Amino acid sequence: MRLSPIGSRLAGLSGLRSIMEDVASSMAGTAQEDWLNLGIGNPAAIPEAAAMWRETLSSALTDDFDSAVGRYGPSRGSTKLVDAVVHYFNQAYGWDLRPENVVIGPGSQMICFAAAALFCGPGPEGMHRLVMPMMPDYTGYQGLCMHQDGVAGVAPRITLEGEHRFRYSLDLDALARRDDLGMLLISSPGNPTGRAVTRTELNGLISVAGQHGVPLLVDHAYGAPFPRIGEVHVDPVQHPNVINCFSVSKAGLPGERIGFAIGDPEYIGALAAFMSNSVLHAAQLPQVAVATALSEGSLDRVTRDSIAPYYRHKRQYMEETLAERLPSGLNWRIHTGTGGMFSWVWIDHPWFDDSDLYRRLKARQVFVVPGRHFFVDALSAPIPGDHATHCFRLSLSAPEKTIDEGVSRLADTLADMHPGASLNAQAAATRLRGEAAGEVVRPAGVGAR
């Protein structure tokens, strides 16, 4: 088969997709309950959210079936959902939106793909890249640009917090020095870290976008106003250079692929034209359901009463379990997150390798996601040292019994990788509870030696 250069890029599997293929093939022919999947990216099945969507979809089937399913709809999105989005955000945030500020797409990732096609690629002055202002970030972003070498990332600054925590922060100076910006794209709260941008950082990103005349896409798939997974303290902002992307996937409707973007009419008009030329429009029946959930307040209610508390509890449970089970002689750190569906763990030792951990855990019928897949060019620039290969991601969507047994097998595996580590779990838990509040900044890639 002969593929075009763009075809060759799009037909290949990204790093995380290859992991997902390996998970599927490894589990094939075996009982699913025999495996402990701590790498899963699917949101948890929360009963209250499922009941709400079942009701709204059933109503859509009854009340809007003919108009939604029996004819084509507007490429911008159904009038009912566009109007609901405009009203909701104007009421919630005091914005001054009109329908031309909104476009509906088949998932927020498709909207991001459309933006990359519109704003990135070769030009008279060179390559205009999709730039992730701070790595690690969602691995799916690395497959959005259709051109080779069209995606770049900026290395983070690392701040150590106490004995077992750390935090990434933006290096805005490094970002501002780049001359290849086609668009900026960041998830907040982030996948995999759960880190949300601060208002100061958001203002800095908007400033850089304005100076370069490019859009800043902020992906709120885990953030405010829904599903608000975690303590999200910075609300979305309306600004001429910002395209805000939202999704209902993590709010309990991942299979229907409905997302939407809000931004300046010039940007949104281009995205709507892309939808018209590619997918025609997003599926209309779930659009009716989302419009109902927005208008009647049921999405806000489920977010507040069920989704946010569920993940808050699971994050605490994961952190307590890691503290109790991981070897006491291990220099491990968990990223201080405010939201998201994952815990991001850093093993700060020269003997550790994320791919080696993946292989060893798979032999114990446990899956995690190696950290390198969340960094662009993880094995070379721009992350110095070996930080990217010393991290891995754990899912908070797994049941508590899966987390409990999976972390126990993780602890045993880490002890096998470094036989000198003792398994004094009590000491580890005591240290985590009493860790100091002081911070020390260390460049990315500098580990314990």
Protein backbone atom coordinates (compact mmCIF):
# COMPACT_ATOMS: atom_id res chain seq x y z
CA MET A 1 0.00 0.00 0.00
CA ARG A 2 1.34 3.42 -0.96
CA LEU A 3 0.52 6.21 1.47
CA SER A 4 1.02 9.94 1.19
CA PRO A 5 3.31 11.60 3.76
CA ILE A 6 0.22 12.74 5.69
CA GLY A 7 -1.33 9.29 5.28
CA SER A 8 1.79 7.64 6.67
CA ARG A 9 1.62 9.81 9.74
CA LEU A 10 -2.10 9.37 10.37
CA ALA A 11 -2.07 5.62 9.70
CA GLY A 12 0.52 4.96 12.39
CA LEU A 13 -0.20 4.10 16.00
CA SER A 14 0.76 6.61 18.66
CA GLY A 15 2.68 5.33 21.67
CA LEU A 16 -0.38 5.10 23.89
CA ARG A 17 -2.45 3.49 21.14
CA SER A 18 0.19 0.76 20.89
CA ILE A 19 -0.16 0.23 24.63
CA MET A 20 -3.95 -0.05 24.26
CA GLU A 21 -3.50 -2.59 21.47
CA ASP A 22 -1.15 -4.57 23.71
CA VAL A 23 -3.66 -4.47 26.57
CA ALA A 24 -6.42 -5.75 24.28
CA SER A 25 -4.31 -8.55 22.82
CA SER A 26 -2.97 -9.58 26.24
CA MET A 27 -6.47 -9.84 27.71
CA ALA A 28 -7.93 -11.65 24.70
CA GLY A 29 -9.02 -15.17 25.51
CA THR A 30 -8.71 -14.64 29.26
CA ALA A 31 -11.20 -13.68 31.92
CA GLN A 32 -11.28 -9.89 32.30
CA GLU A 33 -11.43 -10.17 36.07
CA ASP A 34 -8.02 -11.88 36.02
CA TRP A 35 -6.42 -8.55 35.06
CA LEU A 36 -5.94 -5.39 37.10
CA ASN A 37 -6.17 -2.44 34.72
CA LEU A 38 -4.74 0.71 36.30
CA GLY A 39 -4.07 2.22 32.88
CA ILE A 40 -7.68 2.57 31.75
CA GLY A 41 -8.65 5.96 30.34
CA ASN A 42 -12.39 5.36 30.28
CA PRO A 43 -14.28 7.39 32.89
CA ALA A 44 -15.81 5.49 35.77
CA ALA A 45 -19.39 4.29 35.49
CA ILE A 46 -21.07 6.47 38.11
CA PRO A 47 -24.68 5.30 38.64
CA GLU A 48 -26.20 8.76 39.09
CA ALA A 49 -24.60 10.05 35.90
CA ALA A 50 -25.68 6.97 33.97
CA ALA A 51 -29.27 7.36 35.19
CA MET A 52 -29.35 11.03 34.17
CA TRP A 53 -28.09 10.32 30.65
CA ARG A 54 -30.42 7.34 30.27
CA GLU A 55 -33.36 9.59 31.09
CA THR A 56 -32.35 12.44 28.78
CA LEU A 57 -31.50 10.11 25.89
CA SER A 58 -34.82 8.30 26.34
CA SER A 59 -36.64 11.63 26.21
CA ALA A 60 -34.71 12.56 23.06
CA LEU A 61 -35.74 9.27 21.44
CA THR A 62 -39.36 9.98 22.25
CA ASP A 63 -39.60 13.72 21.63
CA ASP A 64 -36.97 14.52 18.99
CA PHE A 65 -36.34 11.28 17.14
CA ASP A 66 -37.73 12.30 13.76
CA SER A 67 -36.16 15.75 13.63
CA ALA A 68 -32.81 14.60 15.05
CA VAL A 69 -32.35 11.29 13.26
CA GLY A 70 -34.45 11.66 10.13
CA ARG A 71 -32.66 14.60 8.55
CA TYR A 72 -29.29 16.30 8.33
CA GLY A 73 -28.51 19.12 10.74
CA PRO A 74 -26.41 22.30 10.79
CA SER A 75 -22.65 21.76 10.66
CA ARG A 76 -22.21 24.24 13.51
CA GLY A 77 -24.40 22.00 15.67
CA SER A 78 -28.08 21.66 16.40
CA THR A 79 -29.82 24.95 17.10
CA LYS A 80 -31.15 23.51 20.35
CA LEU A 81 -27.70 22.68 21.72
CA VAL A 82 -25.98 25.83 20.42
CA ASP A 83 -28.67 27.97 22.06
CA ALA A 84 -28.40 25.97 25.28
CA VAL A 85 -24.61 26.47 25.37
CA VAL A 86 -24.96 30.22 24.74
CA HIS A 87 -27.54 30.62 27.50
CA TYR A 88 -25.67 28.41 29.99
CA PHE A 89 -22.30 30.16 29.70
CA ASN A 90 -23.79 33.64 29.60
CA GLN A 91 -25.66 32.86 32.81
CA ALA A 92 -22.81 31.02 34.55
CA TYR A 93 -19.95 33.39 33.72
CA GLY A 94 -21.54 36.63 32.56
CA TRP A 95 -20.23 36.19 29.01
CA ASP A 96 -21.79 37.81 25.95
CA LEU A 97 -21.94 34.81 23.63
CA ARG A 98 -23.98 34.51 20.46
CA PRO A 99 -24.51 31.41 18.32
CA GLU A 100 -21.54 32.35 16.12
CA ASN A 101 -19.28 31.89 19.15
CA VAL A 102 -20.12 28.15 19.40
CA VAL A 103 -19.40 25.04 17.34
CA ILE A 104 -20.38 21.46 18.19
CA GLY A 105 -18.15 18.56 17.16
CA PRO A 106 -17.95 14.78 17.49
CA GLY A 107 -15.82 14.98 20.62
CA SER A 108 -13.39 17.66 21.80
CA GLN A 109 -10.45 15.70 20.38
CA MET A 110 -11.94 16.07 16.89
CA ILE A 111 -12.26 19.81 17.49
CA CYS A 112 -8.59 19.94 18.49
CA PHE A 113 -7.68 17.94 15.36
CA ALA A 114 -9.61 20.44 13.24
CA ALA A 115 -7.79 23.33 14.90
CA ALA A 116 -4.41 21.71 14.24
CA ALA A 117 -5.32 21.29 10.58
CA LEU A 118 -6.42 24.92 10.36
CA PHE A 119 -3.59 26.61 12.23
CA CYS A 120 -0.54 24.34 11.98
CA GLY A 121 1.70 23.15 9.18
CA PRO A 122 4.34 24.42 6.76
CA GLY A 123 4.15 28.03 5.60
CA PRO A 124 6.30 30.65 3.87
CA GLU A 125 8.15 31.38 7.12
CA GLY A 126 8.63 27.72 8.07
CA MET A 127 6.71 25.21 10.15
CA HIS A 128 3.93 26.51 12.37
CA ARG A 129 3.62 23.93 15.14
CA LEU A 130 1.07 22.75 17.62
CA VAL A 131 2.91 23.60 20.82
CA MET A 132 2.04 22.12 24.20
CA PRO A 133 3.10 24.81 26.70
CA MET A 134 3.91 22.30 29.40
CA MET A 135 4.68 18.62 29.18
CA PRO A 136 3.61 16.06 30.13
CA ASP A 137 0.18 16.47 28.57
CA TYR A 138 -2.46 14.33 26.93
CA THR A 139 -0.71 11.86 24.64
CA GLY A 140 -3.49 12.10 22.05
CA TYR A 141 -2.36 15.63 21.21
CA GLN A 142 0.79 14.23 19.63
CA GLY A 143 -1.25 12.69 16.81
CA LEU A 144 -3.28 15.80 15.97
CA CYS A 145 -0.97 17.49 13.47
CA MET A 146 -0.95 15.96 10.00
CA HIS A 147 2.61 17.06 9.25
CA GLN A 148 5.81 15.40 10.36
CA ASP A 149 7.53 17.34 13.14
CA GLY A 150 4.41 19.45 13.53
CA VAL A 151 4.05 18.97 17.32
CA ALA A 152 6.38 20.37 19.97
CA GLY A 153 6.35 20.68 23.72
CA VAL A 154 7.97 22.87 26.35
CA ALA A 155 9.76 21.20 29.24
CA PRO A 156 8.29 21.94 32.67
CA ARG A 157 9.92 23.32 35.74
CA ILE A 158 9.81 20.92 38.68
CA THR A 159 9.15 21.93 42.27
CA LEU A 160 9.63 19.38 45.04
CA GLU A 161 7.00 19.52 47.77
CA GLY A 162 7.90 17.69 50.94
CA GLU A 163 9.09 14.09 50.80
CA HIS A 164 6.66 12.42 48.41
CA ARG A 165 5.14 15.15 46.27
CA PHE A 166 6.17 17.37 43.39
CA ARG A 167 4.59 19.84 40.99
CA TYR A 168 5.23 20.98 37.43
CA SER A 169 4.97 24.63 36.44
CA LEU A 170 5.02 26.48 33.13
CA ASP A 171 8.24 27.87 31.70
CA LEU A 172 6.64 30.88 30.03
CA ASP A 173 10.00 32.41 29.13
CA ALA A 174 10.95 29.32 27.11
CA LEU A 175 7.55 29.32 25.44
CA ALA A 176 7.73 33.01 24.51
CA ARG A 177 11.12 32.49 22.85
CA ARG A 178 9.72 30.06 20.29
CA ASP A 179 9.19 31.38 16.78
CA ASP A 180 7.23 28.42 15.42
CA LEU A 181 3.85 28.79 17.14
CA GLY A 182 0.80 27.84 15.09
CA MET A 183 -1.42 27.24 18.11
CA LEU A 184 -1.10 26.50 21.81
CA LEU A 185 -2.95 23.56 23.37
CA ILE A 186 -3.17 22.63 27.03
CA SER A 187 -5.47 20.45 29.12
CA SER A 188 -6.61 21.85 32.47
CA PRO A 189 -6.84 19.93 34.73
CA GLY A 190 -4.23 17.98 32.86
CA ASN A 191 -4.00 14.42 31.69
CA PRO A 192 -1.92 12.75 33.18
CA THR A 193 -1.03 15.01 36.13
CA GLY A 194 -4.37 16.46 37.27
CA ARG A 195 -2.69 19.86 37.39
CA ALA A 196 -4.87 22.90 36.62
CA VAL A 197 -3.40 26.13 35.30
CA THR A 198 -3.46 29.07 37.66
CA ARG A 199 -4.97 32.41 36.68
CA THR A 200 -1.46 33.90 36.48
CA GLU A 201 -0.33 31.11 34.15
CA LEU A 202 -3.47 31.43 32.04
CA ASN A 203 -2.89 35.16 31.69
CA GLY A 204 0.69 34.43 30.65
CA LEU A 205 -0.43 31.94 28.00
CA ILE A 206 -2.99 34.41 26.65
CA SER A 207 -0.26 37.05 26.45
CA VAL A 208 2.06 34.75 24.47
CA ALA A 209 -0.79 33.76 22.13
CA GLY A 210 -1.60 37.43 21.55
CA GLN A 211 2.02 38.37 20.87
CA HIS A 212 2.30 35.64 18.24
CA GLY A 213 -1.20 36.08 16.83
CA VAL A 214 -2.19 32.46 17.40
CA PRO A 215 -5.08 30.79 19.26
CA LEU A 216 -4.75 29.24 22.69
CA LEU A 217 -6.93 26.13 23.00
CA VAL A 218 -7.77 25.22 26.59
CA ASP A 219 -9.17 21.71 26.86
CA HIS A 220 -11.57 21.56 29.82
CA ALA A 221 -12.41 17.86 29.40
CA TYR A 222 -11.86 17.34 33.16
CA GLY A 223 -12.51 20.88 34.30
CA ALA A 224 -15.11 23.54 34.98
CA PRO A 225 -18.02 23.81 34.68
CA PHE A 226 -18.40 20.07 34.07
CA PRO A 227 -17.34 17.43 34.92
CA ARG A 228 -15.28 19.48 37.41
CA ILE A 229 -13.23 16.47 38.44
CA GLY A 230 -11.27 17.80 41.38
CA GLU A 231 -10.90 21.22 42.96
CA VAL A 232 -10.82 23.49 39.91
CA HIS A 233 -10.30 27.08 41.06
CA VAL A 234 -9.88 28.85 37.72
CA ASP A 235 -13.00 29.25 35.62
CA PRO A 236 -12.86 29.42 31.81
CA VAL A 237 -12.26 32.92 30.44
CA GLN A 238 -13.67 34.59 27.35
CA HIS A 239 -10.90 36.23 25.31
CA PRO A 240 -10.34 36.87 21.57
CA ASN A 241 -7.27 34.61 21.52
CA VAL A 242 -8.80 31.75 23.54
CA ILE A 243 -10.75 28.79 22.19
CA ASN A 244 -12.33 26.93 25.11
CA CYS A 245 -13.06 23.24 24.41
CA PHE A 246 -15.56 21.26 26.45
CA SER A 247 -16.71 17.65 26.48
CA VAL A 248 -19.37 15.52 28.14
CA SER A 249 -17.27 12.36 27.88
CA LYS A 250 -15.92 12.54 31.44
CA ALA A 251 -19.38 13.55 32.64
CA GLY A 252 -20.67 10.09 31.78
CA LEU A 253 -21.25 10.13 28.01
CA PRO A 254 -17.92 9.01 26.46
CA GLY A 255 -19.40 6.76 23.78
CA GLU A 256 -21.48 9.45 22.07
CA ARG A 257 -18.51 11.74 21.24
CA ILE A 258 -20.06 15.16 21.81
CA GLY A 259 -17.88 18.18 22.47
CA PHE A 260 -18.04 21.87 21.70
CA ALA A 261 -15.79 24.89 21.38
CA ILE A 262 -16.41 28.50 22.35
CA GLY A 263 -14.35 31.33 20.96
CA ASP A 264 -14.06 34.31 18.67
CA PRO A 265 -16.41 34.04 15.65
CA GLU A 266 -13.45 34.11 13.26
CA TYR A 267 -11.91 31.00 14.81
CA ILE A 268 -15.25 29.28 15.38
CA GLY A 269 -16.39 29.94 11.81
CA ALA A 270 -13.29 28.20 10.48
CA LEU A 271 -13.91 25.24 12.78
CA ALA A 272 -17.55 25.03 11.69
CA ALA A 273 -16.44 24.99 8.04
CA PHE A 274 -14.01 22.18 8.84
CA MET A 275 -16.85 20.16 10.37
CA SER A 276 -18.94 20.75 7.27
CA ASN A 277 -16.13 19.58 4.98
CA SER A 278 -15.20 16.52 7.04
CA VAL A 279 -17.90 14.96 9.23
CA LEU A 280 -20.84 17.15 8.12
CA HIS A 281 -22.03 17.42 11.72
CA ALA A 282 -21.94 15.64 15.07
CA ALA A 283 -24.55 13.05 15.91
CA GLN A 284 -27.79 14.91 16.62
CA LEU A 285 -29.64 12.65 19.07
CA PRO A 286 -27.02 13.01 21.84
CA GLN A 287 -26.93 16.75 21.07
CA VAL A 288 -30.59 16.89 22.09
CA ALA A 289 -29.79 15.05 25.32
CA VAL A 290 -26.88 17.38 26.17
CA ALA A 291 -29.05 20.43 25.47
CA THR A 292 -31.67 19.09 27.88
CA ALA A 293 -29.09 18.31 30.56
CA LEU A 294 -27.68 21.84 30.29
CA SER A 295 -31.02 23.63 30.19
CA GLU A 296 -32.67 21.71 33.01
CA GLY A 297 -29.64 21.79 35.32
CA SER A 298 -29.32 18.02 35.60
CA LEU A 299 -25.71 18.07 34.33
CA ASP A 300 -24.75 20.60 37.00
CA ARG A 301 -26.52 18.56 39.65
CA VAL A 302 -24.81 15.29 38.74
CA THR A 303 -21.46 17.05 38.49
CA ARG A 304 -21.82 18.61 41.94
CA ASP A 305 -23.41 15.73 43.80
CA SER A 306 -21.87 12.63 42.20
CA ILE A 307 -18.99 13.05 39.75
CA ALA A 308 -16.81 15.53 41.65
CA PRO A 309 -17.15 13.72 45.03
CA TYR A 310 -16.45 10.34 43.40
CA TYR A 311 -13.09 11.36 41.97
CA ARG A 312 -12.16 13.38 45.06
CA HIS A 313 -12.58 10.21 47.12
CA LYS A 314 -10.72 8.04 44.60
CA ARG A 315 -7.74 10.41 44.48
CA GLN A 316 -7.46 10.32 48.26
CA TYR A 317 -7.80 6.53 48.26
CA MET A 318 -5.06 6.12 45.64
CA GLU A 319 -2.66 8.42 47.48
CA GLU A 320 -3.25 6.69 50.82
CA THR A 321 -2.79 3.26 49.22
CA LEU A 322 0.48 4.29 47.57
CA ALA A 323 1.74 5.66 50.90
CA GLU A 324 0.86 2.42 52.69
CA ARG A 325 2.22 -0.02 50.12
CA LEU A 326 5.26 1.43 48.33
CA PRO A 327 8.69 0.41 49.66
CA SER A 328 9.95 2.76 52.35
CA GLY A 329 13.43 2.95 50.82
CA LEU A 330 11.98 4.19 47.54
CA ASN A 331 12.34 7.81 46.43
CA TRP A 332 8.88 8.15 44.90
CA ARG A 333 6.76 11.22 44.35
CA ILE A 334 3.18 11.81 43.26
CA HIS A 335 2.22 14.93 41.37
CA THR A 336 0.13 17.31 43.44
CA GLY A 337 -3.07 17.33 41.41
CA THR A 338 -6.24 19.34 41.70
CA GLY A 339 -8.35 17.30 39.31
CA GLY A 340 -8.45 14.75 36.55
CA MET A 341 -8.87 10.99 36.45
CA PHE A 342 -5.28 9.94 37.10
CA SER A 343 -2.38 9.87 39.53
CA TRP A 344 1.05 10.65 38.10
CA VAL A 345 3.95 8.94 39.88
CA TRP A 346 7.69 9.67 39.59
CA ILE A 347 10.26 7.06 40.70
CA ASP A 348 13.41 9.13 41.16
CA HIS A 349 16.11 6.43 40.88
CA PRO A 350 18.59 5.66 38.06
CA TRP A 351 17.64 1.97 38.00
CA PHE A 352 13.98 2.66 37.19
CA ASP A 353 12.58 2.54 33.65
CA ASP A 354 8.90 2.96 32.80
CA SER A 355 8.89 0.39 29.98
CA ASP A 356 10.62 -2.17 32.20
CA LEU A 357 7.96 -1.56 34.85
CA TYR A 358 5.23 -2.01 32.25
CA ARG A 359 6.64 -5.38 31.14
CA ARG A 360 7.13 -6.65 34.68
CA LEU A 361 3.65 -5.60 35.78
CA LYS A 362 2.06 -7.16 32.72
CA ALA A 363 3.64 -10.44 33.77
CA ARG A 364 1.77 -9.95 37.06
CA GLN A 365 -1.43 -9.16 35.10
CA VAL A 366 -1.42 -5.46 35.98
CA PHE A 367 -1.50 -2.59 33.47
CA VAL A 368 -0.20 0.95 33.96
CA VAL A 369 0.77 3.54 31.33
CA PRO A 370 4.49 4.32 30.86
CA GLY A 371 5.26 8.00 31.31
CA ARG A 372 7.28 8.50 28.14
CA HIS A 373 4.14 8.56 25.99
CA PHE A 374 3.05 11.90 27.50
CA PHE A 375 6.18 13.73 26.38
CA VAL A 376 7.12 14.79 22.86
CA ASP A 377 10.48 13.25 21.94
CA ALA A 378 10.68 11.77 25.43
CA LEU A 379 13.97 9.98 24.78
CA SER A 380 15.76 13.11 23.56
CA ALA A 381 14.91 16.81 23.58
CA PRO A 382 13.29 18.81 25.04
CA ILE A 383 13.12 16.97 28.41
CA PRO A 384 16.65 16.78 29.83
CA GLY A 385 17.87 13.73 31.62
CA ASP A 386 15.57 10.74 32.06
CA HIS A 387 12.60 12.21 33.89
CA ALA A 388 10.06 11.16 31.23
CA THR A 389 11.03 7.49 31.51
CA HIS A 390 10.88 7.59 35.30
CA CYS A 391 7.15 8.34 35.48
CA PHE A 392 3.94 6.38 34.98
CA ARG A 393 0.19 6.99 35.12
CA LEU A 394 -2.39 5.26 37.32
CA SER A 395 -6.13 5.46 36.68
CA LEU A 396 -8.58 6.61 39.35
CA SER A 397 -11.48 5.04 37.43
CA ALA A 398 -10.63 1.53 38.58
CA PRO A 399 -12.61 0.00 41.46
CA GLU A 400 -11.06 0.28 44.92
CA LYS A 401 -10.32 -3.44 45.08
CA THR A 402 -8.41 -3.14 41.78
CA ILE A 403 -6.44 -0.18 43.11
CA ASP A 404 -5.70 -2.02 46.34
CA GLU A 405 -4.39 -5.22 44.74
CA GLY A 406 -2.78 -3.41 41.80
CA VAL A 407 -0.72 -1.13 44.04
CA SER A 408 0.32 -4.15 46.13
CA ARG A 409 1.66 -5.85 42.98
CA LEU A 410 3.26 -2.55 41.95
CA ALA A 411 5.08 -2.39 45.29
CA ASP A 412 6.31 -5.98 44.91
CA THR A 413 7.49 -5.24 41.38
CA LEU A 414 9.40 -2.13 42.43
CA ALA A 415 11.05 -4.12 45.21
CA ASP A 416 12.09 -6.74 42.64
CA MET A 417 13.51 -4.02 40.37
CA HIS A 418 15.60 -2.67 43.27
CA PRO A 419 16.18 -5.43 45.85
CA GLY A 420 17.74 -2.96 48.30
CA ALA A 421 14.37 -1.29 48.98
CA SER A 422 12.66 -2.44 52.16
CA LEU A 423 8.91 -2.93 52.39
CA ASN A 424 8.30 -0.96 55.58
CA ALA A 425 4.87 0.31 54.61
CA GLN A 426 4.15 1.81 58.03
CA ALA A 427 7.19 4.06 57.80
CA ALA A 428 6.19 5.19 54.31
CA ALA A 429 2.69 6.13 55.43
CA THR A 430 4.01 7.99 58.48
CA ARG A 431 6.44 10.04 56.37
CA LEU A 432 3.76 11.00 53.86
CA ARG A 433 1.39 12.22 56.58
CA GLY A 434 4.12 14.28 58.23
CA GLU A 435 5.89 15.66 55.17
CA ALA A 436 7.19 19.21 55.35
CA ALA A 437 5.64 22.13 53.49
CA GLY A 438 8.94 23.57 52.24
CA GLU A 439 9.69 23.57 48.53
CA VAL A 440 12.87 23.39 46.50
CA VAL A 441 13.04 23.93 42.76
CA ARG A 442 14.99 21.44 40.68
CA PRO A 443 15.38 21.35 36.90
CA ALA A 444 13.50 18.60 35.05
CA GLY A 445 15.53 15.45 34.63
CA VAL A 446 17.72 15.85 37.74
CA GLY A 447 17.05 12.78 39.84
CA ALA A 448 18.31 11.22 43.04
CA ARG A 449 21.63 9.53 42.51
